[in-house]
């Protein structure tokens, strides 16, 4: 009898969950979610009107509400809410699509199938970087002209419009970056389930386009294809920070920081970010490096104290690192969130927050009473030439490092516009907004972080590179790094800005 009841319960659960994939929502439910979304952002976000006025935000909400009518699928609801989230202009405030939007609507066991290529956008051409499909004829460098009868230009314009990651502020370069990085997810989010894709492509050196149908593939299939078709690609071999000498005669080395987030795979090992960083700066001194290339492209941030630890190797005197401030409502929200997990820890955390964040600044934020200057490292400080590589994916803790170096008068900056703001961001601690009807979730930062930069030295919201450089086709086809080559040429010709 118990077994029979168990089967009945399992069937009921599956039916209930599957109904969530095809559920629709009334206009009243959608309007309620919109009002809830706006109110939650205004109440708890630490700086909701940094990039949009309160009046403009209210006008946008009203215009969205006026267009709501009829019933909505989950996907339609998502795209209805998205402009309101994007309007905040905060890179940490985003509505990533949940599993219901990236799953097959009629199956829990069958994996969703995606566009089976990694792509790059170079010289206004969408190029295949890696091919995970079963069709080996489409090689690296093949230009994709159309997908399902739509020109690539129109597709990219739409993907940029619906991108859930956008960087800080009004940042077109960041949107372009994320539209390419998240291409297959965004395309699935836009189009829904597709078993196959009709693509028109043009191979390098040919004049006549060809059209073929390629089957969509699951993430698991593409991961296996990566291992078999691209055995030399191992994205975990260097960890989150790596070092190599590029040109011993010019005394050039490169430090590549992929992330400031601790790699879970490193737990239990003797390595860690701070330890690896110390080793790197010791090597810089031992190898008598005079030109350091710091690669922060695609570094989306992580632990802010890692960024500051790294920065201390370049500082010549003590400096103010950053300030974290909370609105009263944000601190209260944080305490409430702690209670969801452990009552005892929540009590301890609330006590710590109450004791630490007691200083009220001129804007009304509660700041930590433990503000202290950061000292330069005693050993292996680097005071030679620094070249910083950045792009639209340089964000959060990485953007902090970029801003602080620039404001200290250190480095020549090469690449594309930074993805994060120059003066600070909203982050530190996070909550989430769960909409009452659709149950879509929005990432909600609770702390305001100021980078303590001198606005007189640079008064633009986003850092522009000293030398704007993007990939070119010839280098891409030859597996060469255009930005790195350009930087090495600057070093060769002894060109530096600061």
Foldseek 3Di string as FASTA:
>chain_A
DVVVVVVVVVVVVVVVVLCLLFDKAFLVQLLLLLVLVVVCCVLFFFCQPPQHHPVRLVVLSVVLNVPRHDIGHLLRSLVSNQVSQVSSQFQLWFFDDDVSLLAASRDDPDFAFWDQFQWDQFPNFTFGCDGLFPDPVRDGGKTWQDKQPHGPVVLLVVLLVRPRGFFGHNHSQLSSVRCRVCVGVSVCSVPPGDQKIWIWIGHPPDDDIDIDIIGTHGPVSSVVSCCVVVVVDDPPPAPQWHKDADDLVLLEIEIEGQEPAWDPVCPPPPDTLLVVLVVRLVVSVVSVRQEYEYELALYQYHDLVSLVSNLLLADPFWDFFKWKWFAPSNLVVVLVVVCVPPVVVSVVVNVVCVVFQDDQDPVGTGTGPPGDTDHRDPPSRDHHAYAYEYGLNQHDSSLLSVLVCVLVVHYAYEEFWYSHWNFWHAADDWDWDQRDPSRRIIIHGGMTMTRPGDCVSPVDGIDGGPYYDDDHSVCSVVVHDGRVVVVVVCSVVVHIDD
